[in-house]
Amino acid sequence: MADPITYETFAKVELRVAKVLEARPHPNADKLMLLQVDVGDVQKQIVAGIRQHYTPEQLVGKSIVVVNNLEPAMLRGEASNGMLLAATSGEKVILLTVDDPDCVPGAKIK
């Protein structure tokens, strides 16, 4: 189990609903996928290690949960401006998604 954090620390994490607009394999990494997502007020790229678990066709149109205020990082030469949330179950990776089609991109997770 991880060390406990305070509510104030957790409150700094901005979780949002993001709609996947485009997905493509990372040109320089076998495990990474490049996602263009809409988080309501802006579109951004997220680099995620889900290539072995999802195809681009499975991702486009999905409403996923992202950490919207993560510090940008360069991953194998590509900018990542957030992080998607996923669960692991054995060898399987499962994206956290929003199942209500009326939920708009950018909606805050509370």
N, C-alpha and C. Protein backbone atom coordinates (compact mmCIF):
# COMPACT_ATOMS: atom_id res chain seq x y z
N MET A 1 0.84 -1.17 0.00
CA MET A 1 0.00 0.00 0.00
C MET A 1 0.89 1.24 0.00
N ALA A 2 0.48 2.23 -0.75
CA ALA A 2 1.23 3.48 -0.83
C ALA A 2 1.04 4.30 0.44
N ASP A 3 1.98 5.20 0.69
CA ASP A 3 1.86 6.10 1.83
C ASP A 3 0.64 7.00 1.68
N PRO A 4 -0.07 7.28 2.75
CA PRO A 4 -1.23 8.17 2.67
C PRO A 4 -0.81 9.59 2.28
N ILE A 5 -1.69 10.28 1.57
CA ILE A 5 -1.48 11.69 1.24
C ILE A 5 -2.61 12.49 1.84
N THR A 6 -2.40 13.78 1.96
CA THR A 6 -3.44 14.64 2.51
C THR A 6 -4.48 14.95 1.44
N TYR A 7 -5.64 15.40 1.88
CA TYR A 7 -6.67 15.83 0.94
C TYR A 7 -6.15 17.00 0.11
N GLU A 8 -5.40 17.90 0.72
CA GLU A 8 -4.87 19.06 0.01
C GLU A 8 -3.96 18.63 -1.14
N THR A 9 -3.17 17.59 -0.93
CA THR A 9 -2.32 17.07 -2.00
C THR A 9 -3.17 16.47 -3.11
N PHE A 10 -4.15 15.65 -2.76
CA PHE A 10 -5.02 15.04 -3.76
C PHE A 10 -5.80 16.09 -4.54
N ALA A 11 -6.24 17.15 -3.88
CA ALA A 11 -7.04 18.20 -4.52
C ALA A 11 -6.27 18.92 -5.63
N LYS A 12 -4.95 18.81 -5.64
CA LYS A 12 -4.14 19.44 -6.68
C LYS A 12 -4.24 18.70 -8.02
N VAL A 13 -4.68 17.45 -7.99
CA VAL A 13 -4.79 16.65 -9.21
C VAL A 13 -6.09 17.01 -9.92
N GLU A 14 -5.97 17.44 -11.18
CA GLU A 14 -7.15 17.82 -11.95
C GLU A 14 -7.53 16.67 -12.90
N LEU A 15 -8.56 15.94 -12.51
CA LEU A 15 -9.05 14.84 -13.32
C LEU A 15 -10.18 15.34 -14.21
N ARG A 16 -10.10 15.02 -15.51
CA ARG A 16 -11.10 15.48 -16.47
C ARG A 16 -11.48 14.36 -17.42
N VAL A 17 -12.66 14.50 -18.01
CA VAL A 17 -13.08 13.62 -19.09
C VAL A 17 -12.44 14.16 -20.38
N ALA A 18 -11.87 13.27 -21.17
CA ALA A 18 -11.27 13.64 -22.45
C ALA A 18 -11.80 12.70 -23.53
N LYS A 19 -12.14 13.25 -24.67
CA LYS A 19 -12.59 12.44 -25.81
C LYS A 19 -11.40 12.21 -26.73
N VAL A 20 -11.16 10.96 -27.08
CA VAL A 20 -10.06 10.61 -27.97
C VAL A 20 -10.47 10.95 -29.41
N LEU A 21 -9.73 11.89 -30.00
CA LEU A 21 -10.00 12.33 -31.37
C LEU A 21 -9.20 11.54 -32.39
N GLU A 22 -7.99 11.18 -32.00
CA GLU A 22 -7.08 10.47 -32.91
C GLU A 22 -6.15 9.61 -32.07
N ALA A 23 -5.77 8.45 -32.60
CA ALA A 23 -4.81 7.57 -31.94
C ALA A 23 -3.93 6.95 -33.02
N ARG A 24 -2.63 6.91 -32.73
CA ARG A 24 -1.70 6.29 -33.68
C ARG A 24 -0.50 5.76 -32.91
N PRO A 25 0.13 4.72 -33.45
CA PRO A 25 1.32 4.17 -32.80
C PRO A 25 2.45 5.20 -32.76
N HIS A 26 3.19 5.20 -31.68
CA HIS A 26 4.38 6.05 -31.56
C HIS A 26 5.41 5.54 -32.57
N PRO A 27 6.01 6.43 -33.36
CA PRO A 27 6.95 5.97 -34.39
C PRO A 27 8.25 5.39 -33.85
N ASN A 28 8.59 5.69 -32.58
CA ASN A 28 9.88 5.26 -32.03
C ASN A 28 9.77 4.39 -30.78
N ALA A 29 8.58 3.81 -30.54
CA ALA A 29 8.42 2.99 -29.34
C ALA A 29 7.32 1.95 -29.56
N ASP A 30 7.64 0.70 -29.35
CA ASP A 30 6.69 -0.39 -29.59
C ASP A 30 5.52 -0.43 -28.61
N LYS A 31 5.69 0.11 -27.41
CA LYS A 31 4.64 0.02 -26.40
C LYS A 31 3.79 1.28 -26.27
N LEU A 32 4.19 2.36 -26.97
CA LEU A 32 3.52 3.65 -26.78
C LEU A 32 2.54 3.97 -27.90
N MET A 33 1.47 4.69 -27.52
CA MET A 33 0.47 5.17 -28.45
C MET A 33 0.36 6.69 -28.27
N LEU A 34 0.21 7.41 -29.38
CA LEU A 34 0.00 8.85 -29.34
C LEU A 34 -1.49 9.13 -29.46
N LEU A 35 -2.03 9.84 -28.51
CA LEU A 35 -3.46 10.17 -28.51
C LEU A 35 -3.64 11.67 -28.60
N GLN A 36 -4.51 12.11 -29.49
CA GLN A 36 -4.96 13.50 -29.53
C GLN A 36 -6.31 13.50 -28.83
N VAL A 37 -6.42 14.29 -27.77
CA VAL A 37 -7.66 14.29 -26.98
C VAL A 37 -8.22 15.70 -26.85
N ASP A 38 -9.53 15.75 -26.67
CA ASP A 38 -10.27 16.99 -26.43
C ASP A 38 -10.65 17.01 -24.96
N VAL A 39 -10.13 18.01 -24.22
CA VAL A 39 -10.49 18.14 -22.81
C VAL A 39 -11.37 19.37 -22.58
N GLY A 40 -12.15 19.71 -23.57
CA GLY A 40 -13.11 20.79 -23.44
C GLY A 40 -12.60 22.12 -23.92
N ASP A 41 -11.66 22.70 -23.20
CA ASP A 41 -11.15 24.02 -23.55
C ASP A 41 -9.91 23.96 -24.44
N VAL A 42 -9.36 22.78 -24.62
CA VAL A 42 -8.13 22.63 -25.40
C VAL A 42 -8.01 21.19 -25.91
N GLN A 43 -7.28 21.04 -27.00
CA GLN A 43 -6.90 19.71 -27.47
C GLN A 43 -5.43 19.52 -27.14
N LYS A 44 -5.07 18.30 -26.77
CA LYS A 44 -3.67 18.04 -26.39
C LYS A 44 -3.29 16.63 -26.77
N GLN A 45 -1.99 16.41 -26.78
CA GLN A 45 -1.45 15.07 -27.05
C GLN A 45 -1.05 14.42 -25.74
N ILE A 46 -1.40 13.14 -25.63
CA ILE A 46 -0.98 12.31 -24.50
C ILE A 46 -0.28 11.08 -25.08
N VAL A 47 0.87 10.75 -24.51
CA VAL A 47 1.59 9.54 -24.89
C VAL A 47 1.31 8.50 -23.81
N ALA A 48 0.83 7.32 -24.23
CA ALA A 48 0.43 6.31 -23.25
C ALA A 48 0.98 4.94 -23.63
N GLY A 49 1.35 4.17 -22.64
CA GLY A 49 1.90 2.83 -22.84
C GLY A 49 0.82 1.78 -22.97
N ILE A 50 -0.07 1.94 -23.95
CA ILE A 50 -1.21 1.03 -24.10
C ILE A 50 -1.24 0.34 -25.47
N ARG A 51 -0.21 0.49 -26.24
CA ARG A 51 -0.20 -0.01 -27.62
C ARG A 51 -0.40 -1.52 -27.71
N GLN A 52 0.06 -2.27 -26.73
CA GLN A 52 -0.08 -3.72 -26.74
C GLN A 52 -1.46 -4.17 -26.29
N HIS A 53 -2.29 -3.21 -25.85
CA HIS A 53 -3.60 -3.56 -25.30
C HIS A 53 -4.77 -3.00 -26.10
N TYR A 54 -4.53 -1.96 -26.88
CA TYR A 54 -5.59 -1.31 -27.66
C TYR A 54 -5.08 -0.98 -29.05
N THR A 55 -5.99 -1.04 -30.02
CA THR A 55 -5.69 -0.57 -31.37
C THR A 55 -6.17 0.88 -31.47
N PRO A 56 -5.66 1.63 -32.41
CA PRO A 56 -6.17 2.99 -32.60
C PRO A 56 -7.68 3.03 -32.82
N GLU A 57 -8.19 2.06 -33.56
CA GLU A 57 -9.62 2.03 -33.85
C GLU A 57 -10.46 1.82 -32.60
N GLN A 58 -9.93 1.11 -31.62
CA GLN A 58 -10.65 0.89 -30.36
C GLN A 58 -10.70 2.15 -29.50
N LEU A 59 -9.77 3.07 -29.72
CA LEU A 59 -9.64 4.24 -28.87
C LEU A 59 -10.41 5.46 -29.37
N VAL A 60 -10.43 5.68 -30.68
CA VAL A 60 -11.05 6.88 -31.23
C VAL A 60 -12.53 6.91 -30.87
N GLY A 61 -12.95 8.05 -30.32
CA GLY A 61 -14.35 8.24 -29.91
C GLY A 61 -14.62 7.91 -28.45
N LYS A 62 -13.69 7.25 -27.77
CA LYS A 62 -13.89 6.91 -26.36
C LYS A 62 -13.76 8.16 -25.49
N SER A 63 -14.55 8.20 -24.43
CA SER A 63 -14.41 9.22 -23.39
C SER A 63 -13.64 8.58 -22.25
N ILE A 64 -12.42 9.09 -22.01
CA ILE A 64 -11.53 8.52 -21.01
C ILE A 64 -11.31 9.52 -19.88
N VAL A 65 -10.68 9.08 -18.82
CA VAL A 65 -10.34 9.94 -17.68
C VAL A 65 -8.84 10.23 -17.74
N VAL A 66 -8.50 11.53 -17.64
CA VAL A 66 -7.09 11.93 -17.71
C VAL A 66 -6.72 12.84 -16.55
N VAL A 67 -5.43 12.81 -16.21
CA VAL A 67 -4.85 13.82 -15.32
C VAL A 67 -4.50 14.99 -16.24
N ASN A 68 -5.24 16.08 -16.10
CA ASN A 68 -5.14 17.19 -17.04
C ASN A 68 -4.00 18.15 -16.72
N ASN A 69 -3.59 18.21 -15.46
CA ASN A 69 -2.58 19.19 -15.06
C ASN A 69 -1.22 18.57 -14.75
N LEU A 70 -0.93 17.42 -15.36
CA LEU A 70 0.39 16.80 -15.17
C LEU A 70 1.43 17.62 -15.94
N GLU A 71 2.58 17.80 -15.34
CA GLU A 71 3.66 18.52 -15.99
C GLU A 71 4.01 17.84 -17.31
N PRO A 72 4.15 18.61 -18.40
CA PRO A 72 4.49 18.01 -19.70
C PRO A 72 5.81 17.24 -19.64
N ALA A 73 5.90 16.21 -20.48
CA ALA A 73 7.11 15.39 -20.55
C ALA A 73 7.36 15.00 -22.00
N MET A 74 8.61 14.77 -22.34
CA MET A 74 8.98 14.26 -23.66
C MET A 74 9.22 12.76 -23.51
N LEU A 75 8.48 11.97 -24.29
CA LEU A 75 8.62 10.52 -24.25
C LEU A 75 9.01 10.03 -25.64
N ARG A 76 10.28 9.63 -25.75
CA ARG A 76 10.81 9.16 -27.02
C ARG A 76 10.60 10.18 -28.14
N GLY A 77 10.83 11.46 -27.82
CA GLY A 77 10.76 12.51 -28.82
C GLY A 77 9.38 13.09 -29.07
N GLU A 78 8.37 12.66 -28.33
CA GLU A 78 7.00 13.17 -28.48
C GLU A 78 6.55 13.79 -27.17
N ALA A 79 5.88 14.94 -27.27
CA ALA A 79 5.38 15.63 -26.08
C ALA A 79 4.14 14.93 -25.54
N SER A 80 4.11 14.76 -24.22
CA SER A 80 2.94 14.23 -23.54
C SER A 80 2.45 15.29 -22.57
N ASN A 81 1.20 15.67 -22.71
CA ASN A 81 0.62 16.77 -21.93
C ASN A 81 -0.51 16.31 -21.03
N GLY A 82 -0.32 15.19 -20.40
CA GLY A 82 -1.32 14.63 -19.49
C GLY A 82 -1.06 13.16 -19.33
N MET A 83 -1.96 12.49 -18.62
CA MET A 83 -1.84 11.05 -18.40
C MET A 83 -3.23 10.45 -18.35
N LEU A 84 -3.45 9.37 -19.10
CA LEU A 84 -4.73 8.70 -18.98
C LEU A 84 -4.70 7.78 -17.78
N LEU A 85 -5.87 7.45 -17.26
CA LEU A 85 -5.97 6.54 -16.13
C LEU A 85 -6.41 5.18 -16.64
N ALA A 86 -5.77 4.14 -16.11
CA ALA A 86 -6.08 2.77 -16.49
C ALA A 86 -5.86 1.87 -15.29
N ALA A 87 -6.54 0.75 -15.29
CA ALA A 87 -6.37 -0.27 -14.27
C ALA A 87 -5.63 -1.45 -14.88
N THR A 88 -4.93 -2.19 -14.05
CA THR A 88 -4.32 -3.43 -14.52
C THR A 88 -5.00 -4.58 -13.80
N SER A 89 -5.30 -5.61 -14.57
CA SER A 89 -5.91 -6.82 -14.03
C SER A 89 -5.14 -7.99 -14.64
N GLY A 90 -4.20 -8.52 -13.86
CA GLY A 90 -3.31 -9.53 -14.40
C GLY A 90 -2.44 -8.89 -15.47
N GLU A 91 -2.47 -9.42 -16.67
CA GLU A 91 -1.71 -8.86 -17.79
C GLU A 91 -2.50 -7.82 -18.57
N LYS A 92 -3.76 -7.67 -18.24
CA LYS A 92 -4.66 -6.81 -19.01
C LYS A 92 -4.63 -5.37 -18.48
N VAL A 93 -4.66 -4.40 -19.41
CA VAL A 93 -4.76 -2.99 -19.07
C VAL A 93 -6.15 -2.52 -19.51
N ILE A 94 -6.87 -1.87 -18.60
CA ILE A 94 -8.25 -1.46 -18.86
C ILE A 94 -8.36 0.04 -18.63
N LEU A 95 -8.71 0.79 -19.69
CA LEU A 95 -8.86 2.23 -19.57
C LEU A 95 -10.06 2.58 -18.71
N LEU A 96 -9.92 3.64 -17.91
CA LEU A 96 -11.07 4.17 -17.19
C LEU A 96 -11.84 5.04 -18.17
N THR A 97 -13.08 4.69 -18.40
CA THR A 97 -13.91 5.38 -19.38
C THR A 97 -15.17 5.90 -18.72
N VAL A 98 -15.85 6.80 -19.44
CA VAL A 98 -17.12 7.35 -19.00
C VAL A 98 -18.19 6.72 -19.88
N ASP A 99 -19.20 6.13 -19.27
CA ASP A 99 -20.17 5.38 -20.06
C ASP A 99 -21.41 6.18 -20.48
N ASP A 100 -21.54 7.43 -20.05
CA ASP A 100 -22.69 8.24 -20.43
C ASP A 100 -22.33 9.10 -21.63
N PRO A 101 -22.97 8.89 -22.78
CA PRO A 101 -22.62 9.66 -23.98
C PRO A 101 -22.91 11.16 -23.86
N ASP A 102 -23.68 11.56 -22.86
CA ASP A 102 -23.99 12.98 -22.67
C ASP A 102 -22.90 13.71 -21.88
N CYS A 103 -21.91 13.00 -21.36
CA CYS A 103 -20.83 13.62 -20.60
C CYS A 103 -19.90 14.33 -21.58
N VAL A 104 -19.73 15.63 -21.40
CA VAL A 104 -18.97 16.45 -22.35
C VAL A 104 -17.47 16.39 -22.05
N PRO A 105 -16.65 16.51 -23.10
CA PRO A 105 -15.20 16.60 -22.87
C PRO A 105 -14.89 17.79 -21.97
N GLY A 106 -13.99 17.59 -21.03
CA GLY A 106 -13.61 18.62 -20.09
C GLY A 106 -14.34 18.56 -18.77
N ALA A 107 -15.37 17.69 -18.67
CA ALA A 107 -16.10 17.57 -17.42
C ALA A 107 -15.13 17.20 -16.29
N LYS A 108 -15.29 17.87 -15.15
CA LYS A 108 -14.42 17.59 -13.99
C LYS A 108 -14.85 16.31 -13.31
N ILE A 109 -13.86 15.53 -12.88
CA ILE A 109 -14.09 14.35 -12.06
C ILE A 109 -13.98 14.82 -10.62
N LYS A 110 -15.00 14.54 -9.83
CA LYS A 110 -15.00 15.00 -8.42
C LYS A 110 -14.94 13.84 -7.48
